[in-house]
Amino acid sequence: MPYSVRENDADVLGYVAHHGISTVLDIGPGSGTYADLLGHACTLDAVEAWPDYLTEFDLTAKYRHILIHDVRTVGDLLPTRYDLVIFGDVLEHMPPTEAADVWDWAPTVADRGLVSLPLDHWPQHAEHGGNPHEAHDEEHLTGRDLLAGALGPFEDVWVYDQTATFARRFA
């Protein structure tokens, strides 16, 4: 689904304010949840793999720049560095090894990273207009995997009813 569960809104806002974050790269913005949440306080760019979302959710009005690309192959196509990169409901849509590679790439574009994942496996197919990037891999990462140490240590962790959010300083 292109929508995120909104359990972490207050904690994400607090994290951004506490760390003086002013530039954000939103990976897989979907409907623009994080732009709606942070747009008043930050400059936001995005990487979105499904171009239909740009018009469906008017993402060009929410983000300064949007790169249409799969984050797994975006490499060094981004023109700037950010204070924070957000993977909100993104990493569970790829096999764990690819998710780990994407997370390992994150420090090359941002000083901090934030990941939000469902706590448990949520079966999901190519949803919302047949978007293959919305399917959950059979062995996808979960919040419980990150709580158990997958993707390394995190400085902040917030656990909710359905999801968990993790933050790390890279630099």
Protein backbone atom coordinates (compact mmCIF):
# COMPACT_ATOMS: atom_id res chain seq x y z
CA MET A 1 0.00 0.00 0.00
CA PRO A 2 1.25 3.50 -0.67
CA TYR A 3 0.05 4.55 2.79
CA SER A 4 1.93 4.21 6.06
CA VAL A 5 0.55 3.37 9.46
CA ARG A 6 0.79 6.67 11.34
CA GLU A 7 1.85 5.27 14.74
CA ASN A 8 5.28 6.90 14.60
CA ASP A 9 4.34 10.48 13.68
CA ALA A 10 5.09 12.08 17.05
CA ASP A 11 8.41 10.23 17.45
CA VAL A 12 9.57 11.10 13.93
CA LEU A 13 8.67 14.76 14.45
CA GLY A 14 10.53 14.74 17.77
CA TYR A 15 13.58 13.07 16.22
CA VAL A 16 13.72 15.60 13.38
CA ALA A 17 13.36 18.54 15.77
CA HIS A 18 15.84 17.18 18.34
CA HIS A 19 18.56 16.63 15.72
CA GLY A 20 18.03 19.85 13.77
CA ILE A 21 17.22 18.02 10.55
CA SER A 22 16.40 20.32 7.65
CA THR A 23 16.91 18.16 4.53
CA VAL A 24 15.26 14.76 4.05
CA LEU A 25 15.41 12.13 1.33
CA ASP A 26 12.23 10.04 1.39
CA ILE A 27 12.70 6.65 -0.23
CA GLY A 28 9.44 5.26 -1.60
CA PRO A 29 7.17 8.16 -0.62
CA GLY A 30 3.99 6.42 -1.80
CA SER A 31 1.19 8.85 -0.96
CA GLY A 32 3.62 11.36 0.58
CA THR A 33 3.08 10.53 4.25
CA TYR A 34 6.43 11.93 5.40
CA ALA A 35 6.09 15.05 3.24
CA ASP A 36 2.71 15.68 4.85
CA LEU A 37 4.28 15.20 8.28
CA LEU A 38 7.57 17.07 7.80
CA GLY A 39 6.99 19.45 4.89
CA HIS A 40 6.48 22.45 7.16
CA ALA A 41 9.85 21.89 8.86
CA CYS A 42 12.12 20.35 6.19
CA THR A 43 13.06 20.40 2.55
CA LEU A 44 12.17 17.01 1.10
CA ASP A 45 13.33 15.12 -1.98
CA ALA A 46 12.23 11.61 -2.91
CA VAL A 47 13.10 8.48 -4.83
CA GLU A 48 9.96 6.73 -6.09
CA ALA A 49 9.96 3.55 -8.18
CA TRP A 50 6.31 3.73 -9.32
CA PRO A 51 5.75 6.78 -11.55
CA ASP A 52 1.94 6.58 -11.33
CA TYR A 53 2.14 7.82 -7.72
CA LEU A 54 3.46 11.20 -8.86
CA THR A 55 0.14 12.19 -10.37
CA GLU A 56 -2.14 10.06 -8.20
CA PHE A 57 -0.86 11.65 -4.98
CA ASP A 58 0.37 14.97 -6.44
CA LEU A 59 3.87 14.24 -5.18
CA THR A 60 5.42 17.04 -7.23
CA ALA A 61 3.58 19.49 -4.98
CA LYS A 62 4.98 17.81 -1.85
CA TYR A 63 8.64 17.28 -2.78
CA ARG A 64 11.29 19.62 -4.14
CA HIS A 65 12.76 16.92 -6.42
CA ILE A 66 11.61 13.39 -7.20
CA LEU A 67 13.83 10.83 -8.90
CA ILE A 68 11.86 8.01 -10.56
CA HIS A 69 14.10 5.05 -9.90
CA ASP A 70 14.38 1.80 -7.97
CA VAL A 71 16.43 2.55 -4.85
CA ARG A 72 18.30 -0.74 -5.27
CA THR A 73 20.01 0.67 -8.36
CA VAL A 74 19.99 4.42 -7.73
CA GLY A 75 23.68 4.42 -6.80
CA ASP A 76 25.17 7.90 -7.04
CA LEU A 77 22.40 9.51 -9.12
CA LEU A 78 21.41 11.85 -6.29
CA PRO A 79 22.86 15.34 -6.63
CA THR A 80 23.12 16.27 -2.97
CA ARG A 81 23.61 15.00 0.58
CA TYR A 82 20.84 14.98 3.20
CA ASP A 83 20.54 15.24 6.95
CA LEU A 84 18.18 12.23 7.00
CA VAL A 85 17.13 9.43 4.66
CA ILE A 86 13.79 7.78 5.47
CA PHE A 87 12.84 4.24 4.48
CA GLY A 88 9.19 4.30 5.54
CA ASP A 89 7.61 0.96 4.69
CA VAL A 90 10.15 0.24 1.94
CA LEU A 91 12.67 -2.39 3.00
CA GLU A 92 10.05 -5.09 3.54
CA HIS A 93 9.34 -4.98 -0.20
CA MET A 94 12.66 -6.58 -1.13
CA PRO A 95 14.60 -9.69 -0.13
CA PRO A 96 16.62 -9.18 3.07
CA THR A 97 19.97 -9.24 1.27
CA GLU A 98 18.84 -6.43 -1.05
CA ALA A 99 17.40 -4.50 1.90
CA ALA A 100 20.76 -4.80 3.67
CA ASP A 101 22.56 -3.54 0.56
CA VAL A 102 20.21 -0.53 0.36
CA TRP A 103 20.74 0.19 4.07
CA ASP A 104 24.52 -0.05 3.54
CA TRP A 105 24.16 2.54 0.75
CA ALA A 106 22.27 5.00 2.99
CA PRO A 107 25.37 6.57 4.65
CA THR A 108 26.59 7.65 1.21
CA VAL A 109 23.63 10.04 0.89
CA ALA A 110 22.72 11.05 4.45
CA ASP A 111 24.07 11.67 7.93
CA ARG A 112 21.21 9.77 9.58
CA GLY A 113 18.78 7.03 8.60
CA LEU A 114 15.30 6.10 9.71
CA VAL A 115 13.56 2.78 8.95
CA SER A 116 9.94 1.91 9.61
CA LEU A 117 8.75 -1.67 9.19
CA PRO A 118 5.77 -3.83 10.15
CA LEU A 119 6.56 -5.76 13.32
CA ASP A 120 5.53 -9.06 11.75
CA HIS A 121 5.09 -10.54 8.28
CA TRP A 122 2.24 -8.87 6.40
CA PRO A 123 1.37 -10.85 3.28
CA GLN A 124 0.88 -8.41 0.40
CA HIS A 125 0.87 -8.74 -3.38
CA ALA A 126 1.35 -6.18 -6.15
CA GLU A 127 -1.22 -3.73 -4.82
CA HIS A 128 -2.65 -0.40 -5.83
CA GLY A 129 -2.81 -0.56 -9.60
CA GLY A 130 -0.55 -3.59 -9.88
CA ASN A 131 2.53 -1.90 -8.44
CA PRO A 132 5.08 -4.74 -8.13
CA HIS A 133 7.07 -2.66 -5.63
CA GLU A 134 4.20 -3.03 -3.14
CA ALA A 135 4.54 -6.82 -2.85
CA HIS A 136 6.18 -8.19 0.26
CA ASP A 137 8.92 -10.71 -0.33
CA GLU A 138 8.16 -14.04 1.35
CA GLU A 139 11.17 -13.63 3.61
CA HIS A 140 10.99 -9.86 4.00
CA LEU A 141 12.51 -8.03 6.93
CA THR A 142 10.25 -7.20 9.85
CA GLY A 143 10.54 -4.87 12.79
CA ARG A 144 11.21 -7.91 14.96
CA ASP A 145 14.22 -8.75 12.75
CA LEU A 146 15.64 -5.29 13.35
CA LEU A 147 14.94 -5.58 17.07
CA ALA A 148 17.00 -8.80 16.96
CA GLY A 149 19.95 -6.97 15.41
CA ALA A 150 19.43 -7.12 11.65
CA LEU A 151 20.99 -4.11 9.87
CA GLY A 152 23.20 -3.38 12.86
CA PRO A 153 22.77 -1.11 15.89
CA PHE A 154 20.27 1.75 16.13
CA GLU A 155 20.42 4.76 18.44
CA ASP A 156 16.64 5.10 18.80
CA VAL A 157 13.90 2.48 18.55
CA TRP A 158 10.15 3.03 18.86
CA VAL A 159 7.84 0.01 18.98
CA TYR A 160 4.10 0.35 18.39
CA ASP A 161 1.14 -2.00 17.99
CA GLN A 162 1.74 -2.81 14.32
CA THR A 163 5.09 -1.29 13.38
CA ALA A 164 8.51 -0.34 14.67
CA THR A 165 10.71 2.61 13.71
CA PHE A 166 14.50 2.65 14.01
CA ALA A 167 16.96 5.54 13.73
CA ARG A 168 20.73 5.62 13.36
CA ARG A 169 23.35 8.29 13.02
CA PHE A 170 25.84 7.37 10.28
CA ALA A 171 28.32 10.21 10.49
